[in-house]
Structures are given as C-alpha cells and as structure tokens.
Amino acid sequence: FPQGHSEQVAASMQKDVDAHVPNYPNLPSKLICLLHNITLHADLETDEVYAQMTLQPVTSYGKEALQLSELALKQARPQNEFFCKTLTASDTSTHGGFSVPRRAAEKIFPPLDFSMQPPAQEIQARDLHDNVWTFRHIYRGQPKRHLLTTGWSLFVSGKRLFAGDSVIFVRDERQQLLLGIRRANRQPTNISSSVLSSDSMHIGILAAAAHAAANNSPFTIFYNPRASPTEFVIPFAKYQKAVYGNQLSLGMRFRMMFETEELGTRR
C-alpha cells in the first residue's frame, strides 16, 4: 500500500516518489486488509473516476479468507452492452455530428422506425453526475449511416471534448442508456482537487494508515486507476499466488502485463 499510494500521488502531482515523505516505522511495506466499503466518485470538472475505500487491517488470516478472496475473483460479473469510440475531428466539430458504427447503434440504441423518411428518434443518456443529455439519432447520408445530431455539439462543448478523447455508451441491466467519457492522456491525471492534490493529504493518508496498522482500526484511501500504473489494492488470493506461487530470484527475467493509452493491454 504505502509504495503504490506514493507512486499514485507522485504521478498526479508530477513529483518525486520519495520527496518529503516522512518515515513511519509502524507502517509495513504491505497491509493485509478487509474491504469494509467502497464508493465510486467522478470528478465534476474532468469526469475522471476514482474510488474511495475503507480498509481494516487484519493481523491474522486463515484458509477461509483465502477461499473467499478466490471465490470473489472467480465470480462472473454481469456484462452490459456497450460501445466506445475515439472521437475524430469531425465528431468534435461544431457543425457536424457524431457518427455511430452501424452494429453499435443497432446494439445500444432503441430501434429506429424505418417507415419514417428519414428514420429518426430522440434518445436520452445519463452521465456519471446524473445529468441527462438528449440527442437526435438519425439514419441518413450517402452511404447511409447512424448519426447523433441535435444535442451532440452541446455535449461536446459542455464536456470540453477534443479529437482523441473517447465516448462510451452503456446499456445497463435496467435497459437505461448511460454515457461516459475518457480523456486522452495529454497531461498527468489528477484526482479531484478536493480529494488528493496536496502533500498534506498525501502524508495524512500515510499517517492514518500507520495509525490503523498500529491500532487495528479502519482507514480511508483514494484510488485513481489512471493516475499511475501501480495497483496498490490487490485481491488477497492474487497477492498470495504472486508471492508464494512463483519462486523469483535475483537476476530472473519475467513478463508483466501492463496497459497503455495507445495500445491497450500488452505483455
């Protein structure tokens, strides 16, 4: 936890990992914790998603804890229908619209009435802040294609989107249409300024973790998956397998999965 948290803060603040970080002798290099609560947030300015987690350090654990962690890893999560598109220059121009691939439109949007000429409808999508955006979905052009027209430029300007940013539409289990964005990695990602943007907050979380480890009390952390490639909250079963399932020695070479903005997941 401490190293990963420090790397996340350093990445978001463009500072050296070891700069001005006090030494906490009661804070071990890793903490085995129970996850008491997790709340997902989205920054009001950037729509960046981050998690607020309440963790409880544990001093001992048995096979039951390992089995529960393994079971959680194996549980199948419901897969919602979605499509994601990286915006082009025409998608973000004020006089154009958003071109939707045919298969994506047929999979995500309500079906059009093709007896109309041209086939068109209004659709509504809800963003992470519970704001509802209304778009005109029309099928037209030569060759014919699916477009979002009226309402799209308001969304682009309201979210301050540029070519290279991505938009995702999701059809959830209640058949509601949800809408999100992912900005191109033009600059280091910051968690909300009110959450984690100062040295005092960084040191405060480390101090809280050290106190929790010494007194067996809960503490709260914030985790932004895009701020740093370091995963400092890891399922217990995954940790056990990595530490005890693989015998590593000095000088040994190994492969590690990582994700980049441009190329996705690579080895």
C-alpha atoms as a PDB file:
ATOM      1  CA  PHE A   1       0.000   0.000   0.000  1.00  0.00           C
ATOM      2  CA  PRO A   2       2.480   2.761   1.001  1.00  0.00           C
ATOM      3  CA  GLN A   3       4.662   2.480  -2.111  1.00  0.00           C
ATOM      4  CA  GLY A   4       1.746   2.249  -4.537  1.00  0.00           C
ATOM      5  CA  HIS A   5      -0.073   5.132  -2.885  1.00  0.00           C
ATOM      6  CA  SER A   6       3.074   7.284  -3.020  1.00  0.00           C
ATOM      7  CA  GLU A   7       3.568   6.499  -6.714  1.00  0.00           C
ATOM      8  CA  GLN A   8      -0.035   7.465  -7.481  1.00  0.00           C
ATOM      9  CA  VAL A   9       0.346  10.807  -5.718  1.00  0.00           C
ATOM     10  CA  ALA A  10       3.724  11.436  -7.355  1.00  0.00           C
ATOM     11  CA  ALA A  11       2.238  10.754 -10.807  1.00  0.00           C
ATOM     12  CA  SER A  12      -0.739  13.048 -10.218  1.00  0.00           C
ATOM     13  CA  MET A  13       1.390  15.861  -8.766  1.00  0.00           C
ATOM     14  CA  GLN A  14       4.465  15.442 -11.014  1.00  0.00           C
ATOM     15  CA  LYS A  15       6.748  14.995  -8.016  1.00  0.00           C
ATOM     16  CA  ASP A  16       9.421  12.543  -6.997  1.00  0.00           C
ATOM     17  CA  VAL A  17       8.075   9.488  -5.169  1.00  0.00           C
ATOM     18  CA  ASP A  18      10.440   9.863  -2.221  1.00  0.00           C
ATOM     19  CA  ALA A  19      10.231  13.642  -1.906  1.00  0.00           C
ATOM     20  CA  HIS A  20       9.294  14.867   1.576  1.00  0.00           C
ATOM     21  CA  VAL A  21       7.666  11.612   2.709  1.00  0.00           C
ATOM     22  CA  PRO A  22       8.166  11.054   6.460  1.00  0.00           C
ATOM     23  CA  ASN A  23       9.251   7.687   7.772  1.00  0.00           C
ATOM     24  CA  TYR A  24       6.517   5.705   9.528  1.00  0.00           C
ATOM     25  CA  PRO A  25       8.145   2.762  11.341  1.00  0.00           C
ATOM     26  CA  ASN A  26       4.722   1.291  12.220  1.00  0.00           C
ATOM     27  CA  LEU A  27       3.666   1.169   8.569  1.00  0.00           C
ATOM     28  CA  PRO A  28       4.740  -2.118   6.924  1.00  0.00           C
ATOM     29  CA  SER A  29       5.512  -2.407   3.228  1.00  0.00           C
ATOM     30  CA  LYS A  30       2.210  -4.235   2.729  1.00  0.00           C
ATOM     31  CA  LEU A  31      -1.050  -4.327   4.668  1.00  0.00           C
ATOM     32  CA  ILE A  32      -3.492  -7.243   4.607  1.00  0.00           C
ATOM     33  CA  CYS A  33      -6.914  -5.609   4.964  1.00  0.00           C
ATOM     34  CA  LEU A  34     -10.621  -6.305   4.836  1.00  0.00           C
ATOM     35  CA  LEU A  35     -12.538  -4.050   2.461  1.00  0.00           C
ATOM     36  CA  HIS A  36     -15.342  -2.526   4.524  1.00  0.00           C
ATOM     37  CA  ASN A  37     -16.764  -0.125   1.977  1.00  0.00           C
ATOM     38  CA  ILE A  38     -16.118   1.245  -1.499  1.00  0.00           C
ATOM     39  CA  THR A  39     -17.691   4.326  -3.071  1.00  0.00           C
ATOM     40  CA  LEU A  40     -17.125   5.390  -6.668  1.00  0.00           C
ATOM     41  CA  HIS A  41     -16.818   9.088  -7.480  1.00  0.00           C
ATOM     42  CA  ALA A  42     -16.405  11.166 -10.625  1.00  0.00           C
ATOM     43  CA  ASP A  43     -14.609  14.496 -10.717  1.00  0.00           C
ATOM     44  CA  LEU A  44     -17.033  17.317 -11.524  1.00  0.00           C
ATOM     45  CA  GLU A  45     -14.554  19.056 -13.823  1.00  0.00           C
ATOM     46  CA  THR A  46     -12.904  16.184 -15.686  1.00  0.00           C
ATOM     47  CA  ASP A  47     -15.273  13.196 -15.200  1.00  0.00           C
ATOM     48  CA  GLU A  48     -12.255  11.163 -14.062  1.00  0.00           C
ATOM     49  CA  VAL A  49     -13.426   8.203 -11.977  1.00  0.00           C
ATOM     50  CA  TYR A  50     -11.820   7.313  -8.664  1.00  0.00           C
ATOM     51  CA  ALA A  51     -12.682   5.084  -5.717  1.00  0.00           C
ATOM     52  CA  GLN A  52     -12.917   5.843  -2.012  1.00  0.00           C
ATOM     53  CA  MET A  53     -12.169   2.720   0.041  1.00  0.00           C
ATOM     54  CA  THR A  54     -12.429   1.997   3.754  1.00  0.00           C
ATOM     55  CA  LEU A  55      -9.913  -0.674   4.762  1.00  0.00           C
ATOM     56  CA  GLN A  56      -9.489  -2.583   8.026  1.00  0.00           C
ATOM     57  CA  PRO A  57      -6.012  -4.040   8.701  1.00  0.00           C
ATOM     58  CA  VAL A  58      -6.004  -7.643   9.915  1.00  0.00           C
ATOM     59  CA  THR A  59      -3.204  -9.217  11.929  1.00  0.00           C
ATOM     60  CA  SER A  60      -4.060 -12.837  11.135  1.00  0.00           C
ATOM     61  CA  TYR A  61      -5.955 -14.713   8.473  1.00  0.00           C
ATOM     62  CA  GLY A  62      -6.718 -18.314   7.629  1.00  0.00           C
ATOM     63  CA  LYS A  63      -7.760 -20.522   4.750  1.00  0.00           C
ATOM     64  CA  GLU A  64     -11.300 -19.136   4.872  1.00  0.00           C
ATOM     65  CA  ALA A  65     -10.104 -15.627   3.960  1.00  0.00           C
ATOM     66  CA  LEU A  66      -8.097 -17.029   1.050  1.00  0.00           C
ATOM     67  CA  GLN A  67     -11.064 -19.093  -0.168  1.00  0.00           C
ATOM     68  CA  LEU A  68     -13.407 -16.090  -0.011  1.00  0.00           C
ATOM     69  CA  SER A  69     -10.927 -13.999  -1.993  1.00  0.00           C
ATOM     70  CA  GLU A  70     -10.537 -16.738  -4.613  1.00  0.00           C
ATOM     71  CA  LEU A  71     -14.323 -17.064  -4.872  1.00  0.00           C
ATOM     72  CA  ALA A  72     -14.695 -13.314  -5.422  1.00  0.00           C
ATOM     73  CA  LEU A  73     -12.130 -13.438  -8.237  1.00  0.00           C
ATOM     74  CA  LYS A  74     -13.988 -16.289  -9.965  1.00  0.00           C
ATOM     75  CA  GLN A  75     -17.466 -14.786  -9.705  1.00  0.00           C
ATOM     76  CA  ALA A  76     -18.790 -13.765 -13.101  1.00  0.00           C
ATOM     77  CA  ARG A  77     -19.723 -10.099 -13.262  1.00  0.00           C
ATOM     78  CA  PRO A  78     -22.748  -9.138 -15.372  1.00  0.00           C
ATOM     79  CA  GLN A  79     -21.658  -7.878 -18.779  1.00  0.00           C
ATOM     80  CA  ASN A  80     -23.541  -4.819 -20.006  1.00  0.00           C
ATOM     81  CA  GLU A  81     -23.833  -3.963 -23.676  1.00  0.00           C
ATOM     82  CA  PHE A  82     -21.633  -1.003 -24.587  1.00  0.00           C
ATOM     83  CA  PHE A  83     -19.616   0.628 -27.301  1.00  0.00           C
ATOM     84  CA  CYS A  84     -16.691   3.010 -27.089  1.00  0.00           C
ATOM     85  CA  LYS A  85     -15.366   5.284 -29.813  1.00  0.00           C
ATOM     86  CA  THR A  86     -12.343   7.565 -30.015  1.00  0.00           C
ATOM     87  CA  LEU A  87     -13.563  10.918 -31.296  1.00  0.00           C
ATOM     88  CA  THR A  88     -12.394  12.189 -34.670  1.00  0.00           C
ATOM     89  CA  ALA A  89     -12.052  15.824 -35.724  1.00  0.00           C
ATOM     90  CA  SER A  90     -15.451  15.666 -37.460  1.00  0.00           C
ATOM     91  CA  ASP A  91     -17.053  14.209 -34.307  1.00  0.00           C
ATOM     92  CA  THR A  92     -15.957  17.261 -32.314  1.00  0.00           C
ATOM     93  CA  SER A  93     -16.653  19.979 -34.907  1.00  0.00           C
ATOM     94  CA  THR A  94     -19.460  22.405 -34.066  1.00  0.00           C
ATOM     95  CA  HIS A  95     -21.262  21.931 -37.390  1.00  0.00           C
ATOM     96  CA  GLY A  96     -21.079  18.148 -37.561  1.00  0.00           C
ATOM     97  CA  GLY A  97     -22.478  15.227 -35.621  1.00  0.00           C
ATOM     98  CA  PHE A  98     -21.332  12.021 -34.024  1.00  0.00           C
ATOM     99  CA  SER A  99     -21.015   9.105 -36.423  1.00  0.00           C
ATOM    100  CA  VAL A 100     -22.019   5.814 -34.780  1.00  0.00           C
ATOM    101  CA  PRO A 101     -20.953   2.444 -36.229  1.00  0.00           C
ATOM    102  CA  ARG A 102     -23.994   0.532 -37.526  1.00  0.00           C
ATOM    103  CA  ARG A 103     -23.553  -2.519 -35.301  1.00  0.00           C
ATOM    104  CA  ALA A 104     -23.060  -0.339 -32.233  1.00  0.00           C
ATOM    105  CA  ALA A 105     -26.177   1.713 -32.977  1.00  0.00           C
ATOM    106  CA  GLU A 106     -28.275  -1.414 -33.500  1.00  0.00           C
ATOM    107  CA  LYS A 107     -26.930  -2.990 -30.299  1.00  0.00           C
ATOM    108  CA  ILE A 108     -27.170   0.004 -27.943  1.00  0.00           C
ATOM    109  CA  PHE A 109     -29.808   2.441 -29.205  1.00  0.00           C
ATOM    110  CA  PRO A 110     -33.572   1.776 -29.384  1.00  0.00           C
ATOM    111  CA  PRO A 111     -34.598   0.519 -32.849  1.00  0.00           C
ATOM    112  CA  LEU A 112     -35.449   3.146 -35.449  1.00  0.00           C
ATOM    113  CA  ASP A 113     -38.752   3.216 -37.314  1.00  0.00           C
ATOM    114  CA  PHE A 114     -37.616   2.707 -40.906  1.00  0.00           C
ATOM    115  CA  SER A 115     -41.068   3.565 -42.223  1.00  0.00           C
ATOM    116  CA  MET A 116     -40.145   7.196 -41.491  1.00  0.00           C
ATOM    117  CA  GLN A 117     -38.114   9.145 -44.026  1.00  0.00           C
ATOM    118  CA  PRO A 118     -35.511   9.676 -42.814  1.00  0.00           C
ATOM    119  CA  PRO A 119     -35.642   7.295 -39.816  1.00  0.00           C
ATOM    120  CA  ALA A 120     -35.044   9.383 -36.684  1.00  0.00           C
ATOM    121  CA  GLN A 121     -35.723   9.459 -32.945  1.00  0.00           C
ATOM    122  CA  GLU A 122     -34.726  11.275 -29.772  1.00  0.00           C
ATOM    123  CA  ILE A 123     -32.607   9.350 -27.283  1.00  0.00           C
ATOM    124  CA  GLN A 124     -31.603  10.274 -23.750  1.00  0.00           C
ATOM    125  CA  ALA A 125     -28.437   9.216 -21.943  1.00  0.00           C
ATOM    126  CA  ARG A 126     -27.436   9.814 -18.331  1.00  0.00           C
ATOM    127  CA  ASP A 127     -23.852  10.719 -17.394  1.00  0.00           C
ATOM    128  CA  LEU A 128     -21.869   9.992 -14.217  1.00  0.00           C
ATOM    129  CA  HIS A 129     -23.258  13.090 -12.495  1.00  0.00           C
ATOM    130  CA  ASP A 130     -26.874  12.069 -13.199  1.00  0.00           C
ATOM    131  CA  ASN A 131     -27.233  14.731 -15.893  1.00  0.00           C
ATOM    132  CA  VAL A 132     -29.496  13.716 -18.788  1.00  0.00           C
ATOM    133  CA  TRP A 133     -28.351  14.530 -22.332  1.00  0.00           C
ATOM    134  CA  THR A 134     -30.814  14.430 -25.234  1.00  0.00           C
ATOM    135  CA  PHE A 135     -29.655  13.649 -28.778  1.00  0.00           C
ATOM    136  CA  ARG A 136     -31.368  13.279 -32.142  1.00  0.00           C
ATOM    137  CA  HIS A 137     -30.497   9.900 -33.633  1.00  0.00           C
ATOM    138  CA  ILE A 138     -30.937   9.844 -37.399  1.00  0.00           C
ATOM    139  CA  TYR A 139     -30.092   7.436 -40.219  1.00  0.00           C
ATOM    140  CA  ARG A 140     -29.162   9.345 -43.357  1.00  0.00           C
ATOM    141  CA  GLY A 141     -26.432  10.258 -45.844  1.00  0.00           C
ATOM    142  CA  GLN A 142     -24.739   8.603 -48.800  1.00  0.00           C
ATOM    143  CA  PRO A 143     -23.805   5.990 -47.875  1.00  0.00           C
ATOM    144  CA  LYS A 144     -26.389   5.909 -45.111  1.00  0.00           C
ATOM    145  CA  ARG A 145     -25.059   5.948 -41.567  1.00  0.00           C
ATOM    146  CA  HIS A 146     -26.199   6.452 -37.989  1.00  0.00           C
ATOM    147  CA  LEU A 147     -25.605   9.961 -36.616  1.00  0.00           C
ATOM    148  CA  LEU A 148     -26.248  11.860 -33.399  1.00  0.00           C
ATOM    149  CA  THR A 149     -27.010  15.434 -34.451  1.00  0.00           C
ATOM    150  CA  THR A 150     -29.079  17.880 -32.380  1.00  0.00           C
ATOM    151  CA  GLY A 151     -27.725  17.991 -28.834  1.00  0.00           C
ATOM    152  CA  TRP A 152     -24.347  16.492 -29.684  1.00  0.00           C
ATOM    153  CA  SER A 153     -22.461  19.804 -30.031  1.00  0.00           C
ATOM    154  CA  LEU A 154     -23.842  20.890 -26.637  1.00  0.00           C
ATOM    155  CA  PHE A 155     -22.436  17.715 -25.105  1.00  0.00           C
ATOM    156  CA  VAL A 156     -19.031  18.209 -26.778  1.00  0.00           C
ATOM    157  CA  SER A 157     -18.745  21.819 -25.616  1.00  0.00           C
ATOM    158  CA  GLY A 158     -20.160  21.066 -22.166  1.00  0.00           C
ATOM    159  CA  LYS A 159     -17.612  18.308 -21.566  1.00  0.00           C
ATOM    160  CA  ARG A 160     -14.809  20.191 -23.387  1.00  0.00           C
ATOM    161  CA  LEU A 161     -14.047  17.223 -25.634  1.00  0.00           C
ATOM    162  CA  PHE A 162     -11.374  17.125 -28.320  1.00  0.00           C
ATOM    163  CA  ALA A 163     -10.344  14.719 -31.049  1.00  0.00           C
ATOM    164  CA  GLY A 164      -8.609  11.780 -29.385  1.00  0.00           C
ATOM    165  CA  ASP A 165     -10.935  11.708 -26.377  1.00  0.00           C
ATOM    166  CA  SER A 166     -13.287   8.731 -26.118  1.00  0.00           C
ATOM    167  CA  VAL A 167     -17.024   8.419 -25.538  1.00  0.00           C
ATOM    168  CA  ILE A 168     -18.719   5.308 -24.186  1.00  0.00           C
ATOM    169  CA  PHE A 169     -22.411   4.400 -24.310  1.00  0.00           C
ATOM    170  CA  VAL A 170     -23.637   1.639 -21.990  1.00  0.00           C
ATOM    171  CA  ARG A 171     -26.982  -0.164 -21.844  1.00  0.00           C
ATOM    172  CA  ASP A 172     -27.326  -1.250 -18.205  1.00  0.00           C
ATOM    173  CA  GLU A 173     -29.290  -4.135 -16.693  1.00  0.00           C
ATOM    174  CA  ARG A 174     -32.375  -1.891 -16.401  1.00  0.00           C
ATOM    175  CA  GLN A 175     -32.070  -1.008 -20.104  1.00  0.00           C
ATOM    176  CA  GLN A 176     -31.135   2.579 -19.285  1.00  0.00           C
ATOM    177  CA  LEU A 177     -28.694   4.325 -21.601  1.00  0.00           C
ATOM    178  CA  LEU A 178     -25.607   5.622 -19.796  1.00  0.00           C
ATOM    179  CA  LEU A 179     -22.909   7.899 -21.156  1.00  0.00           C
ATOM    180  CA  GLY A 180     -19.299   8.437 -20.133  1.00  0.00           C
ATOM    181  CA  ILE A 181     -16.082   9.963 -21.419  1.00  0.00           C
ATOM    182  CA  ARG A 182     -12.400   9.144 -21.223  1.00  0.00           C
ATOM    183  CA  ARG A 183      -9.972  11.909 -21.992  1.00  0.00           C
ATOM    184  CA  ALA A 184      -6.826  11.341 -23.995  1.00  0.00           C
ATOM    185  CA  ASN A 185      -3.763  11.253 -21.782  1.00  0.00           C
ATOM    186  CA  ARG A 186      -2.488  14.719 -22.723  1.00  0.00           C
ATOM    187  CA  GLN A 187      -1.331  15.542 -19.206  1.00  0.00           C
ATOM    188  CA  PRO A 188      -0.982  13.741 -15.873  1.00  0.00           C
ATOM    189  CA  THR A 189      -4.342  12.731 -14.448  1.00  0.00           C
ATOM    190  CA  ASN A 190      -5.332  14.447 -11.231  1.00  0.00           C
ATOM    191  CA  ILE A 191      -7.824  13.196  -8.731  1.00  0.00           C
ATOM    192  CA  SER A 192     -10.301  15.866  -7.693  1.00  0.00           C
ATOM    193  CA  SER A 193      -8.523  18.867  -6.176  1.00  0.00           C
ATOM    194  CA  SER A 194     -10.653  18.483  -3.067  1.00  0.00           C
ATOM    195  CA  VAL A 195      -9.541  14.877  -2.591  1.00  0.00           C
ATOM    196  CA  LEU A 196      -5.854  14.356  -3.250  1.00  0.00           C
ATOM    197  CA  SER A 197      -3.890  17.317  -4.515  1.00  0.00           C
ATOM    198  CA  SER A 198      -1.532  18.332  -1.736  1.00  0.00           C
ATOM    199  CA  ASP A 199       1.415  16.988   0.194  1.00  0.00           C
ATOM    200  CA  SER A 200      -0.584  17.319   3.407  1.00  0.00           C
ATOM    201  CA  MET A 201      -3.273  14.966   2.067  1.00  0.00           C
ATOM    202  CA  HIS A 202      -0.635  12.503   0.884  1.00  0.00           C
ATOM    203  CA  ILE A 203       1.155  12.457   4.233  1.00  0.00           C
ATOM    204  CA  GLY A 204      -2.170  12.453   6.086  1.00  0.00           C
ATOM    205  CA  ILE A 205      -3.275   9.210   4.429  1.00  0.00           C
ATOM    206  CA  LEU A 206       0.066   7.564   5.186  1.00  0.00           C
ATOM    207  CA  ALA A 207      -0.195   8.721   8.805  1.00  0.00           C
ATOM    208  CA  ALA A 208      -3.752   7.361   9.028  1.00  0.00           C
ATOM    209  CA  ALA A 209      -2.613   4.018   7.599  1.00  0.00           C
ATOM    210  CA  ALA A 210       0.278   3.837  10.081  1.00  0.00           C
ATOM    211  CA  HIS A 211      -2.103   4.599  12.960  1.00  0.00           C
ATOM    212  CA  ALA A 212      -4.574   1.989  11.678  1.00  0.00           C
ATOM    213  CA  ALA A 213      -1.849  -0.655  11.402  1.00  0.00           C
ATOM    214  CA  ALA A 214      -0.700   0.040  14.967  1.00  0.00           C
ATOM    215  CA  ASN A 215      -4.188   0.193  16.498  1.00  0.00           C
ATOM    216  CA  ASN A 216      -6.115  -2.246  14.289  1.00  0.00           C
ATOM    217  CA  SER A 217      -8.547   0.494  13.226  1.00  0.00           C
ATOM    218  CA  PRO A 218     -10.054   1.298   9.792  1.00  0.00           C
ATOM    219  CA  PHE A 219      -8.672   3.970   7.471  1.00  0.00           C
ATOM    220  CA  THR A 220      -9.724   5.501   4.149  1.00  0.00           C
ATOM    221  CA  ILE A 221      -7.776   5.742   0.899  1.00  0.00           C
ATOM    222  CA  PHE A 222      -8.471   7.103  -2.584  1.00  0.00           C
ATOM    223  CA  TYR A 223      -7.560   5.184  -5.718  1.00  0.00           C
ATOM    224  CA  ASN A 224      -7.476   6.518  -9.270  1.00  0.00           C
ATOM    225  CA  PRO A 225      -6.816   3.690 -11.763  1.00  0.00           C
ATOM    226  CA  ARG A 226      -5.408   6.074 -14.386  1.00  0.00           C
ATOM    227  CA  ALA A 227      -3.137   8.184 -12.186  1.00  0.00           C
ATOM    228  CA  SER A 228      -0.419   5.548 -12.047  1.00  0.00           C
ATOM    229  CA  PRO A 229       0.123   2.028 -13.442  1.00  0.00           C
ATOM    230  CA  THR A 230       0.732   0.826  -9.879  1.00  0.00           C
ATOM    231  CA  GLU A 231      -2.073  -1.332  -8.461  1.00  0.00           C
ATOM    232  CA  PHE A 232      -1.699  -0.898  -4.727  1.00  0.00           C
ATOM    233  CA  VAL A 233      -5.028  -2.517  -3.793  1.00  0.00           C
ATOM    234  CA  ILE A 234      -4.738  -6.183  -4.778  1.00  0.00           C
ATOM    235  CA  PRO A 235      -7.089  -9.137  -4.049  1.00  0.00           C
ATOM    236  CA  PHE A 236      -5.654 -11.332  -1.306  1.00  0.00           C
ATOM    237  CA  ALA A 237      -5.714 -14.505  -3.433  1.00  0.00           C
ATOM    238  CA  LYS A 238      -3.869 -12.710  -6.242  1.00  0.00           C
ATOM    239  CA  TYR A 239      -1.227 -11.498  -3.784  1.00  0.00           C
ATOM    240  CA  GLN A 240      -0.766 -14.974  -2.282  1.00  0.00           C
ATOM    241  CA  LYS A 241      -0.349 -16.523  -5.720  1.00  0.00           C
ATOM    242  CA  ALA A 242       2.188 -13.891  -6.788  1.00  0.00           C
ATOM    243  CA  VAL A 243       4.282 -14.180  -3.626  1.00  0.00           C
ATOM    244  CA  TYR A 244       4.124 -17.900  -2.893  1.00  0.00           C
ATOM    245  CA  GLY A 245       3.146 -19.384  -6.257  1.00  0.00           C
ATOM    246  CA  ASN A 246       6.163 -18.037  -8.123  1.00  0.00           C
ATOM    247  CA  GLN A 247       9.687 -18.535  -6.872  1.00  0.00           C
ATOM    248  CA  LEU A 248      11.634 -15.484  -8.035  1.00  0.00           C
ATOM    249  CA  SER A 249      15.336 -14.955  -7.557  1.00  0.00           C
ATOM    250  CA  LEU A 250      17.753 -12.132  -8.275  1.00  0.00           C
ATOM    251  CA  GLY A 251      18.504 -11.785 -11.978  1.00  0.00           C
ATOM    252  CA  MET A 252      15.441 -13.742 -13.103  1.00  0.00           C
ATOM    253  CA  ARG A 253      13.538 -12.363 -16.092  1.00  0.00           C
ATOM    254  CA  PHE A 254       9.743 -12.344 -16.174  1.00  0.00           C
ATOM    255  CA  ARG A 255       6.840 -10.926 -18.153  1.00  0.00           C
ATOM    256  CA  MET A 256       4.375  -8.469 -16.699  1.00  0.00           C
ATOM    257  CA  MET A 257       1.027  -7.287 -18.038  1.00  0.00           C
ATOM    258  CA  PHE A 258       0.551  -3.543 -18.381  1.00  0.00           C
ATOM    259  CA  GLU A 259      -1.829  -1.185 -20.141  1.00  0.00           C
ATOM    260  CA  THR A 260      -1.049   1.858 -22.247  1.00  0.00           C
ATOM    261  CA  GLU A 261      -3.348   4.566 -23.555  1.00  0.00           C
ATOM    262  CA  GLU A 262      -2.480   3.944 -27.201  1.00  0.00           C
ATOM    263  CA  LEU A 263      -2.054   0.190 -27.419  1.00  0.00           C
ATOM    264  CA  GLY A 264      -4.287  -1.285 -24.741  1.00  0.00           C
ATOM    265  CA  THR A 265      -3.102  -4.300 -22.781  1.00  0.00           C
ATOM    266  CA  ARG A 266       0.301  -5.670 -23.727  1.00  0.00           C
ATOM    267  CA  ARG A 267       2.881  -8.058 -22.338  1.00  0.00           C
END
